[in-house]
Protein backbone atom coordinates (compact mmCIF):
# COMPACT_ATOMS: atom_id res chain seq x y z
CA UNK A 1 0.00 0.00 0.00
CA UNK A 2 2.82 2.42 0.90
CA UNK A 3 4.51 1.51 -2.37
CA UNK A 4 1.33 2.44 -4.21
CA UNK A 5 0.99 5.77 -2.43
CA UNK A 6 4.55 6.65 -3.45
CA UNK A 7 3.39 6.51 -7.06
CA UNK A 8 0.79 9.22 -6.44
CA UNK A 9 3.59 11.79 -6.34
CA UNK A 10 4.47 10.88 -9.92
CA UNK A 11 1.08 12.01 -11.28
CA UNK A 12 0.60 15.79 -10.88
CA UNK A 13 -3.03 15.66 -12.05
CA UNK A 14 -3.88 13.05 -9.41
CA UNK A 15 -2.17 15.14 -6.75
CA UNK A 16 -4.30 18.15 -7.72
CA UNK A 17 -7.48 16.07 -7.61
CA UNK A 18 -6.65 14.67 -4.17
CA UNK A 19 -5.73 18.10 -2.82
CA UNK A 20 -8.95 19.60 -4.21
CA UNK A 21 -11.03 16.80 -2.63
CA UNK A 22 -9.40 17.27 0.78
CA UNK A 23 -9.84 21.04 0.57
CA UNK A 24 -13.56 20.75 -0.22
CA UNK A 25 -14.08 18.27 2.63
CA UNK A 26 -12.22 20.66 4.95
CA UNK A 27 -14.60 23.46 3.94
CA UNK A 28 -17.52 21.13 4.69
CA UNK A 29 -16.21 20.33 8.16
CA UNK A 30 -15.76 24.03 8.94
CA UNK A 31 -19.39 24.72 8.03
CA UNK A 32 -20.56 21.99 10.44
CA UNK A 33 -19.45 24.21 13.34
CA UNK A 34 -21.30 27.35 12.18
CA UNK A 35 -24.69 27.47 13.99
CA UNK A 36 -27.96 28.70 12.53
CA UNK A 37 -28.69 32.30 13.68
CA UNK A 38 -31.00 32.59 16.69
CA UNK A 39 -29.97 29.28 18.32
CA UNK A 40 -28.37 28.74 21.73
CA UNK A 41 -25.99 26.00 20.60
CA UNK A 42 -24.95 24.94 24.10
CA UNK A 43 -28.54 24.22 25.17
CA UNK A 44 -29.21 22.50 21.84
CA UNK A 45 -26.27 20.16 22.40
CA UNK A 46 -27.45 19.39 25.94
CA UNK A 47 -30.92 18.53 24.67
CA UNK A 48 -29.48 16.43 21.88
CA UNK A 49 -27.36 14.38 24.30
CA UNK A 50 -30.59 13.20 25.90
CA UNK A 51 -31.71 11.82 22.53
CA UNK A 52 -28.71 9.52 22.05
CA UNK A 53 -29.72 6.16 20.61
CA UNK A 54 -32.82 7.54 18.87
CA UNK A 55 -33.34 8.18 15.17
CA UNK A 56 -31.93 11.67 15.67
CA UNK A 57 -28.55 10.00 16.23
CA UNK A 58 -28.80 8.40 12.81
CA UNK A 59 -29.84 11.67 11.17
CA UNK A 60 -26.95 13.43 12.90
CA UNK A 61 -24.60 10.74 11.57
CA UNK A 62 -25.63 11.48 7.97
CA UNK A 63 -25.50 15.22 8.70
CA UNK A 64 -21.91 14.88 9.90
CA UNK A 65 -22.74 16.09 13.43
CA UNK A 66 -24.43 19.25 12.18
CA UNK A 67 -27.83 18.49 13.67
CA UNK A 68 -26.77 18.47 17.31
CA UNK A 69 -25.89 22.18 17.15
CA UNK A 70 -28.37 22.99 14.35
CA UNK A 71 -25.57 24.24 12.11
CA UNK A 72 -25.99 25.68 8.63
CA UNK A 73 -25.48 22.10 7.36
CA UNK A 74 -28.02 20.61 9.77
CA UNK A 75 -30.05 19.04 6.95
CA UNK A 76 -26.94 17.47 5.48
CA UNK A 77 -27.10 16.03 1.97
CA UNK A 78 -30.13 13.82 2.63
CA UNK A 79 -32.71 16.11 0.90
CA UNK A 80 -30.65 15.88 -2.29
CA UNK A 81 -30.56 12.09 -2.03
CA UNK A 82 -34.33 11.99 -1.45
CA UNK A 83 -34.85 14.21 -4.51
CA UNK A 84 -32.62 11.91 -6.58
CA UNK A 85 -34.71 8.91 -5.53
CA UNK A 86 -37.94 10.63 -6.55
CA UNK A 87 -36.57 11.70 -9.94
CA UNK A 88 -35.24 8.21 -10.67
CA UNK A 89 -38.55 6.65 -9.69
CA UNK A 90 -40.35 9.08 -12.00
CA UNK A 91 -38.03 7.93 -14.77
CA UNK A 92 -39.52 4.44 -14.45
CA UNK A 93 -43.21 5.42 -14.35
CA UNK A 94 -43.53 8.79 -16.15
CA UNK A 95 -43.04 8.94 -19.96
CA UNK A 96 -41.49 12.42 -19.95
CA UNK A 97 -38.80 11.52 -17.41
CA UNK A 98 -38.25 8.15 -19.09
CA UNK A 99 -37.60 9.93 -22.39
CA UNK A 100 -35.14 12.31 -20.73
CA UNK A 101 -33.16 9.35 -19.39
CA UNK A 102 -32.71 8.11 -22.96
CA UNK A 103 -31.52 11.44 -24.39
CA UNK A 104 -27.94 11.12 -23.20
CA UNK A 105 -26.04 14.07 -21.73
CA UNK A 106 -28.75 16.64 -22.51
CA UNK A 107 -31.40 14.53 -20.80
CA UNK A 108 -29.21 13.92 -17.75
CA UNK A 109 -28.57 17.66 -17.50
CA UNK A 110 -32.31 18.34 -17.48
CA UNK A 111 -32.93 15.65 -14.86
CA UNK A 112 -30.16 17.15 -12.72
CA UNK A 113 -31.94 20.51 -12.86
CA UNK A 114 -35.21 18.92 -11.75
CA UNK A 115 -33.35 17.19 -8.91
CA UNK A 116 -31.93 20.51 -7.74
CA UNK A 117 -35.31 22.23 -7.79
CA UNK A 118 -36.89 19.36 -5.87
CA UNK A 119 -34.01 19.46 -3.37
CA UNK A 120 -34.77 23.11 -2.60
CA UNK A 121 -38.47 22.32 -2.13
CA UNK A 122 -37.71 19.44 0.25
CA UNK A 123 -35.22 21.58 2.18
CA UNK A 124 -37.78 24.35 2.69
CA UNK A 125 -40.39 21.88 3.97
CA UNK A 126 -38.01 19.99 6.23
CA UNK A 127 -36.31 23.11 7.60
CA UNK A 128 -39.68 24.70 8.45
CA UNK A 129 -40.80 21.72 10.52
CA UNK A 130 -37.37 21.52 12.12
CA UNK A 131 -37.38 25.22 13.04
CA UNK A 132 -40.93 25.00 14.39
CA UNK A 133 -40.01 21.93 16.44
CA UNK A 134 -36.85 23.55 17.86
CA UNK A 135 -38.97 26.46 19.10
CA UNK A 136 -40.82 24.01 21.36
CA UNK A 137 -37.61 22.66 22.91
CA UNK A 138 -35.95 23.78 26.13
CA UNK A 139 -32.93 22.87 28.20
CA UNK A 140 -32.79 20.93 31.50
CA UNK A 141 -33.60 24.09 33.50
CA UNK A 142 -36.36 25.24 31.16
CA UNK A 143 -34.20 27.68 29.19
CA UNK A 144 -35.37 28.04 25.54
CA UNK A 145 -33.21 26.81 22.69
CA UNK A 146 -34.47 29.57 20.37
CA UNK A 147 -33.73 33.04 21.68
CA UNK A 148 -36.44 34.88 19.70
CA UNK A 149 -39.06 32.43 18.39
CA UNK A 150 -41.51 33.39 15.66
CA UNK A 151 -41.69 33.75 11.92
CA UNK A 152 -38.49 35.79 11.84
CA UNK A 153 -36.52 32.85 13.22
CA UNK A 154 -38.36 30.30 11.08
CA UNK A 155 -37.70 32.16 7.83
CA UNK A 156 -34.06 32.73 8.79
CA UNK A 157 -33.62 29.03 9.65
CA UNK A 158 -35.33 27.93 6.44
CA UNK A 159 -33.14 30.15 4.25
CA UNK A 160 -29.96 29.26 6.16
CA UNK A 161 -30.40 25.47 6.17
CA UNK A 162 -31.70 25.34 2.59
CA UNK A 163 -28.71 27.37 1.40
CA UNK A 164 -26.41 25.07 3.40
CA UNK A 165 -27.77 21.95 1.70
CA UNK A 166 -27.57 23.60 -1.75
CA UNK A 167 -23.95 24.48 -1.02
CA UNK A 168 -23.24 20.85 -0.05
CA UNK A 169 -24.95 19.72 -3.26
CA UNK A 170 -22.67 22.02 -5.27
CA UNK A 171 -19.66 20.88 -3.21
CA UNK A 172 -20.40 17.23 -3.98
CA UNK A 173 -20.74 17.91 -7.70
CA UNK A 174 -17.41 19.77 -7.72
CA UNK A 175 -15.66 16.88 -5.96
CA UNK A 176 -17.09 14.40 -8.47
CA UNK A 177 -16.04 16.54 -11.44
CA UNK A 178 -12.69 17.94 -10.30
CA UNK A 179 -11.67 15.63 -7.46
CA UNK A 180 -11.50 11.91 -6.70
CA UNK A 181 -14.49 9.70 -5.92
CA UNK A 182 -18.21 10.34 -5.71
CA UNK A 183 -18.66 13.73 -4.05
CA UNK A 184 -22.00 13.03 -2.34
CA UNK A 185 -20.77 9.74 -0.90
CA UNK A 186 -17.51 11.34 0.26
CA UNK A 187 -19.43 14.05 2.13
CA UNK A 188 -21.38 11.39 4.04
CA UNK A 189 -18.14 9.44 4.52
CA UNK A 190 -16.35 12.48 5.97
CA UNK A 191 -19.23 13.16 8.37
CA UNK A 192 -19.13 9.60 9.73
CA UNK A 193 -15.34 9.38 10.02
CA UNK A 194 -15.13 12.77 11.78
CA UNK A 195 -17.37 11.45 14.57
CA UNK A 196 -15.57 8.14 15.10
CA UNK A 197 -12.91 9.57 17.49
CA UNK A 198 -15.66 10.97 19.72
CA UNK A 199 -17.51 7.65 19.63
CA UNK A 200 -14.34 5.75 20.57
CA UNK A 201 -13.63 8.20 23.39
CA UNK A 202 -17.16 7.79 24.74
CA UNK A 203 -16.80 4.01 24.65
CA UNK A 204 -13.52 4.16 26.58
CA UNK A 205 -15.07 6.60 29.07
CA UNK A 206 -18.07 4.33 29.63
CA UNK A 207 -15.71 1.41 30.17
CA UNK A 208 -13.59 3.33 32.71
CA UNK A 209 -16.70 4.28 34.70
CA UNK A 210 -18.02 0.73 34.63
CA UNK A 211 -21.11 1.54 32.58
CA UNK A 212 -19.78 -0.56 29.69
CA UNK A 213 -18.17 -3.87 30.75
CA UNK A 214 -14.70 -4.48 29.32
CA UNK A 215 -15.71 -7.89 28.02
CA UNK A 216 -18.65 -6.36 26.17
CA UNK A 217 -16.37 -3.74 24.64
CA UNK A 218 -13.92 -6.43 23.47
CA UNK A 219 -16.79 -8.42 22.01
CA UNK A 220 -18.00 -5.34 20.13
CA UNK A 221 -14.51 -4.68 18.76
CA UNK A 222 -14.17 -8.28 17.53
CA UNK A 223 -17.70 -8.16 16.14
CA UNK A 224 -16.96 -4.89 14.33
CA UNK A 225 -13.79 -6.37 12.78
CA UNK A 226 -15.78 -9.41 11.65
CA UNK A 227 -18.37 -7.10 10.06
CA UNK A 228 -15.59 -5.16 8.31
CA UNK A 229 -14.10 -8.39 6.94
CA UNK A 230 -17.52 -9.56 5.77
CA UNK A 231 -18.24 -6.24 4.05
CA UNK A 232 -14.88 -6.24 2.23
CA UNK A 233 -15.44 -9.83 1.08
CA UNK A 234 -18.97 -9.19 -0.18
CA UNK A 235 -18.10 -5.89 -1.85
CA UNK A 236 -15.28 -7.52 -3.83
CA UNK A 237 -17.06 -10.83 -4.57
CA UNK A 238 -18.36 -11.37 -8.08
CA UNK A 239 -19.93 -13.95 -10.37
CA UNK A 240 -18.03 -14.29 -13.62
CA UNK A 241 -20.11 -15.18 -16.67
CA UNK A 242 -17.89 -16.80 -19.38
CA UNK A 243 -17.97 -15.01 -22.74
CA UNK A 244 -16.66 -16.55 -25.95
CA UNK A 245 -15.77 -14.70 -29.15
CA UNK A 246 -15.58 -16.81 -32.36
CA UNK A 247 -12.62 -16.81 -34.71
CA UNK A 248 -12.83 -14.63 -37.80
CA UNK A 249 -10.55 -15.01 -40.85
CA UNK A 250 -9.78 -11.80 -42.70
CA UNK A 251 -7.35 -12.35 -45.54
CA UNK A 252 -4.42 -14.25 -44.10
CA UNK A 253 -5.04 -13.24 -40.50
CA UNK A 254 -7.22 -14.84 -37.83
CA UNK A 255 -9.01 -12.52 -35.40
CA UNK A 256 -10.97 -13.27 -32.23
CA UNK A 257 -11.38 -16.73 -30.81
CA UNK A 258 -10.66 -15.48 -27.30
CA UNK A 259 -12.40 -16.33 -24.04
CA UNK A 260 -13.17 -13.71 -21.43
CA UNK A 261 -15.78 -13.15 -18.74
CA UNK A 262 -18.48 -10.70 -17.70
CA UNK A 263 -18.02 -9.86 -14.00
CA UNK A 264 -21.23 -9.36 -12.03
CA UNK A 265 -20.76 -8.13 -8.49
CA UNK A 266 -22.85 -9.82 -5.82
CA UNK A 267 -23.75 -6.38 -4.55
CA UNK A 268 -24.13 -4.39 -7.76
CA UNK A 269 -25.83 -1.44 -6.03
CA UNK A 270 -23.04 -0.86 -3.49
CA UNK A 271 -23.87 1.40 -0.53
CA UNK A 272 -26.72 3.19 -2.32
CA UNK A 273 -29.66 1.11 -0.94
CA UNK A 274 -28.90 1.77 2.78
CA UNK A 275 -28.40 5.48 2.06
CA UNK A 276 -31.64 5.68 0.07
CA UNK A 277 -33.54 3.66 2.69
CA UNK A 278 -32.21 5.83 5.50
CA UNK A 279 -33.18 9.04 3.70
CA UNK A 280 -36.76 7.80 3.26
CA UNK A 281 -37.12 6.78 6.92
CA UNK A 282 -35.28 9.70 8.47
CA UNK A 283 -37.38 12.49 6.94
CA UNK A 284 -40.78 11.87 8.64
CA UNK A 285 -39.39 10.22 11.76
CA UNK A 286 -36.99 13.07 12.51
CA UNK A 287 -39.80 15.62 12.30
CA UNK A 288 -41.75 13.54 14.82
CA UNK A 289 -38.79 13.72 17.24
CA UNK A 290 -39.18 17.50 17.49
CA UNK A 291 -42.83 17.31 18.64
CA UNK A 292 -42.76 15.23 21.84
CA UNK A 293 -45.83 17.03 23.24
CA UNK A 294 -48.11 15.61 20.51
CA UNK A 295 -49.25 12.08 21.40
CA UNK A 296 -49.23 10.73 17.84
CA UNK A 297 -45.80 12.21 17.09
CA UNK A 298 -44.40 10.87 20.36
CA UNK A 299 -45.72 7.38 19.58
CA UNK A 300 -44.29 7.51 16.06
CA UNK A 301 -40.90 8.69 17.33
CA UNK A 302 -40.73 5.89 19.91
CA UNK A 303 -41.76 3.24 17.38
CA UNK A 304 -39.13 4.41 14.88
CA UNK A 305 -36.14 4.25 17.23
CA UNK A 306 -33.22 2.32 15.69
CA UNK A 307 -33.33 -1.29 16.79
CA UNK A 308 -37.12 -1.29 17.20
CA UNK A 309 -39.31 -3.81 15.38
CA UNK A 310 -41.22 -1.30 13.21
CA UNK A 311 -38.04 0.54 12.24
CA UNK A 312 -36.22 -2.68 11.32
CA UNK A 313 -39.12 -4.01 9.24
CA UNK A 314 -39.44 -0.76 7.26
CA UNK A 315 -35.67 -0.42 6.93
CA UNK A 316 -35.19 -3.96 5.59
CA UNK A 317 -38.12 -3.59 3.17
CA UNK A 318 -36.66 -0.30 1.88
CA UNK A 319 -33.18 -1.83 1.49
CA UNK A 320 -34.54 -4.78 -0.52
CA UNK A 321 -36.61 -2.47 -2.73
CA UNK A 322 -33.76 -0.05 -3.45
CA UNK A 323 -31.30 -2.91 -4.04
CA UNK A 324 -33.47 -4.25 -6.87
CA UNK A 325 -34.38 -0.75 -8.05
CA UNK A 326 -30.82 0.59 -8.28
CA UNK A 327 -29.53 -2.65 -9.83
CA UNK A 328 -32.15 -2.28 -12.56
CA UNK A 329 -30.99 1.31 -13.11
CA UNK A 330 -27.26 0.57 -13.47
CA UNK A 331 -27.42 -2.79 -15.31
CA UNK A 332 -29.68 -3.54 -18.25
CA UNK A 333 -29.43 -7.22 -19.39
CA UNK A 334 -31.08 -6.42 -22.74
CA UNK A 335 -28.48 -3.77 -23.60
CA UNK A 336 -25.62 -6.03 -22.51
CA UNK A 337 -26.90 -8.95 -24.59
CA UNK A 338 -27.33 -6.71 -27.65
CA UNK A 339 -23.78 -5.39 -27.29
CA UNK A 340 -22.42 -8.93 -27.03
CA UNK A 341 -24.38 -9.99 -30.11
CA UNK A 342 -23.19 -6.94 -32.04
CA UNK A 343 -19.54 -7.81 -31.37
CA UNK A 344 -19.99 -11.53 -31.97
CA UNK A 345 -19.74 -12.59 -28.31
CA UNK A 346 -21.94 -15.19 -26.67
CA UNK A 347 -22.35 -17.13 -23.44
CA UNK A 348 -21.44 -20.80 -24.05
CA UNK A 349 -24.61 -22.89 -24.18
CA UNK A 350 -26.90 -19.83 -24.44
CA UNK A 351 -28.30 -18.48 -27.72
CA UNK A 352 -27.40 -14.82 -28.45
CA UNK A 353 -30.06 -12.13 -28.13
CA UNK A 354 -33.22 -12.65 -26.08
CA UNK A 355 -32.07 -15.93 -24.50
CA UNK A 356 -28.85 -14.30 -23.31
CA UNK A 357 -30.79 -11.35 -21.85
CA UNK A 358 -33.10 -13.74 -19.97
CA UNK A 359 -30.13 -15.72 -18.69
CA UNK A 360 -28.34 -12.58 -17.47
CA UNK A 361 -31.54 -11.32 -15.85
CA UNK A 362 -31.99 -14.65 -14.05
CA UNK A 363 -28.42 -14.66 -12.74
CA UNK A 364 -28.61 -10.99 -11.77
CA UNK A 365 -31.90 -11.50 -9.90
CA UNK A 366 -30.34 -14.24 -7.78
CA UNK A 367 -27.24 -12.17 -7.09
CA UNK A 368 -29.39 -9.18 -6.18
CA UNK A 369 -31.35 -11.29 -3.69
CA UNK A 370 -28.09 -12.35 -2.03
CA UNK A 371 -26.93 -8.73 -2.04
CA UNK A 372 -30.19 -7.50 -0.51
CA UNK A 373 -29.99 -10.09 2.28
CA UNK A 374 -26.35 -9.20 2.92
CA UNK A 375 -27.09 -5.47 3.13
CA UNK A 376 -30.07 -6.07 5.43
CA UNK A 377 -28.06 -8.24 7.81
CA UNK A 378 -25.09 -5.86 7.90
CA UNK A 379 -27.27 -2.79 8.50
CA UNK A 380 -29.79 -4.23 10.97
CA UNK A 381 -28.05 -6.92 13.05
CA UNK A 382 -25.26 -4.69 14.48
CA UNK A 383 -27.89 -2.01 15.18
CA UNK A 384 -29.95 -4.44 17.25
CA UNK A 385 -26.93 -5.60 19.25
CA UNK A 386 -25.61 -2.08 19.81
CA UNK A 387 -29.00 -0.70 20.86
CA UNK A 388 -29.02 -3.29 23.65
CA UNK A 389 -25.49 -2.43 24.79
CA UNK A 390 -25.73 1.38 25.23
CA UNK A 391 -22.70 2.20 23.08
CA UNK A 392 -22.22 5.02 20.54
CA UNK A 393 -24.52 4.60 17.55
CA UNK A 394 -21.76 5.30 15.03
CA UNK A 395 -20.47 1.72 15.23
CA UNK A 396 -23.61 0.56 13.43
CA UNK A 397 -23.46 -1.56 10.31
CA UNK A 398 -24.79 1.20 8.05
CA UNK A 399 -21.93 3.54 8.95
CA UNK A 400 -19.32 0.79 8.53
CA UNK A 401 -20.82 -0.20 5.19
CA UNK A 402 -20.70 3.38 3.91
CA UNK A 403 -17.14 3.98 5.15
CA UNK A 404 -15.77 0.76 3.65
CA UNK A 405 -17.76 0.98 0.42
CA UNK A 406 -16.75 4.58 -0.27
CA UNK A 407 -13.13 3.80 0.66
CA UNK A 408 -12.98 0.89 -1.80
CA UNK A 409 -14.56 2.96 -4.56
CA UNK A 410 -12.20 5.90 -3.99
CA UNK A 411 -9.15 3.61 -3.90
CA UNK A 412 -10.34 2.06 -7.15
CA UNK A 413 -10.53 5.46 -8.83
CA UNK A 414 -7.06 6.41 -7.57
CA UNK A 415 -5.75 3.10 -8.88
CA UNK A 416 -7.36 3.70 -12.26
CA UNK A 417 -5.57 7.06 -12.55
CA UNK A 418 -2.24 5.40 -11.70
CA UNK A 419 -2.67 2.47 -14.09
CA UNK A 420 -3.79 4.74 -16.94
CA UNK A 421 -0.40 6.43 -16.67
CA UNK A 422 1.50 3.11 -16.57
CA UNK A 423 2.22 3.12 -12.85
CA UNK A 424 1.45 0.28 -10.48
CA UNK A 425 -1.72 0.65 -8.44
CA UNK A 426 -2.06 1.07 -4.69
CA UNK A 427 -1.52 -2.67 -4.26
CA UNK A 428 1.79 -3.82 -5.74
CA UNK A 429 0.40 -7.27 -6.54
CA UNK A 430 -2.25 -5.93 -8.91
CA UNK A 431 -5.61 -4.26 -9.17
CA UNK A 432 -8.41 -4.38 -6.63
CA UNK A 433 -10.27 -7.64 -7.17
CA UNK A 434 -13.72 -6.19 -7.82
CA UNK A 435 -12.41 -3.83 -10.52
CA UNK A 436 -10.72 -6.36 -12.80
């Protein structure tokens, strides 16, 4: 690995991209500490500490810690992800959006505009309910969190938090275009990683005070390492479909006749399904957390706590749905079979064309089922165990999955830049397994 990182210094363009990515993430982390005007941040943090282990902890994880102090980035990037989900779903059911998806770069540009407009609308709605809910909150001694409640504060909070999310949206797009990795995923990644030292410190503190038994802490560490190993294995595992190209004689030369394979990852959708599922669940449940005085809202908030039965059922159902949905978006068996047929390739024992498409669809459906089960187990099982142990929420399977998945994807992109310039990758022995 160190040998591979030495090669980064030999590629000036890669250095610039890495430096730009780190700079943008640094700007993001600075904004996390800038509070929304009109908020007593100290009282807000005290109130938030009482909500540890609830769904607010999960929302704060995706917001990079910005929710606990109601910073300008309190909404995080989740409204943009929710808007992306809605636009992609419309592309499957609405003819206009479906046509835009088929128009190439121009259509994608138009869909991106619609996603941005929808993001602003979602931010305004979510920030209003959040501001209204914060006005009802108070500290342990009854001191108000909002210094001057009313429409002045609500409008200020709505404009501030909506602008913050739009800035994050722009930041993510700039990282994707001019940096390394997927910008939106890296923003979520940076928010999770930045909170890990605090989570580790809290675990050690609980152990030193006797609130968290040392044996339980060791078990959690071993369990977390096992989850990490399982995630790395599943994220790099693939099913290789053999592809054969026939020999062609042109003049005195023989072309083709080679055997290759079509790699299908077990988890084609990556970390997208848990992120999408979390964004769908977090939006209504987080609003309910800010209205504890309303019986229905209080009941909903209690039922949707991480580790609860209702939350787990909805979360697993959403993960399974988005696993199949996103796999269908990124991999089209019909297009793949047509491309193979066009270039003379075929799967041994399978007729080219429709039969190949059906075969690929059958294999992909089985792989997707395995991937959906794997994602559900990784995201839900650690959450259940941790919710019973009173440890920091950030050790959950969803956060580990995002951190590892984004790390592997970013390393793969760095490796691609190195190999394209005839340098060895990050691993001296060869490329990352899942990217061959």
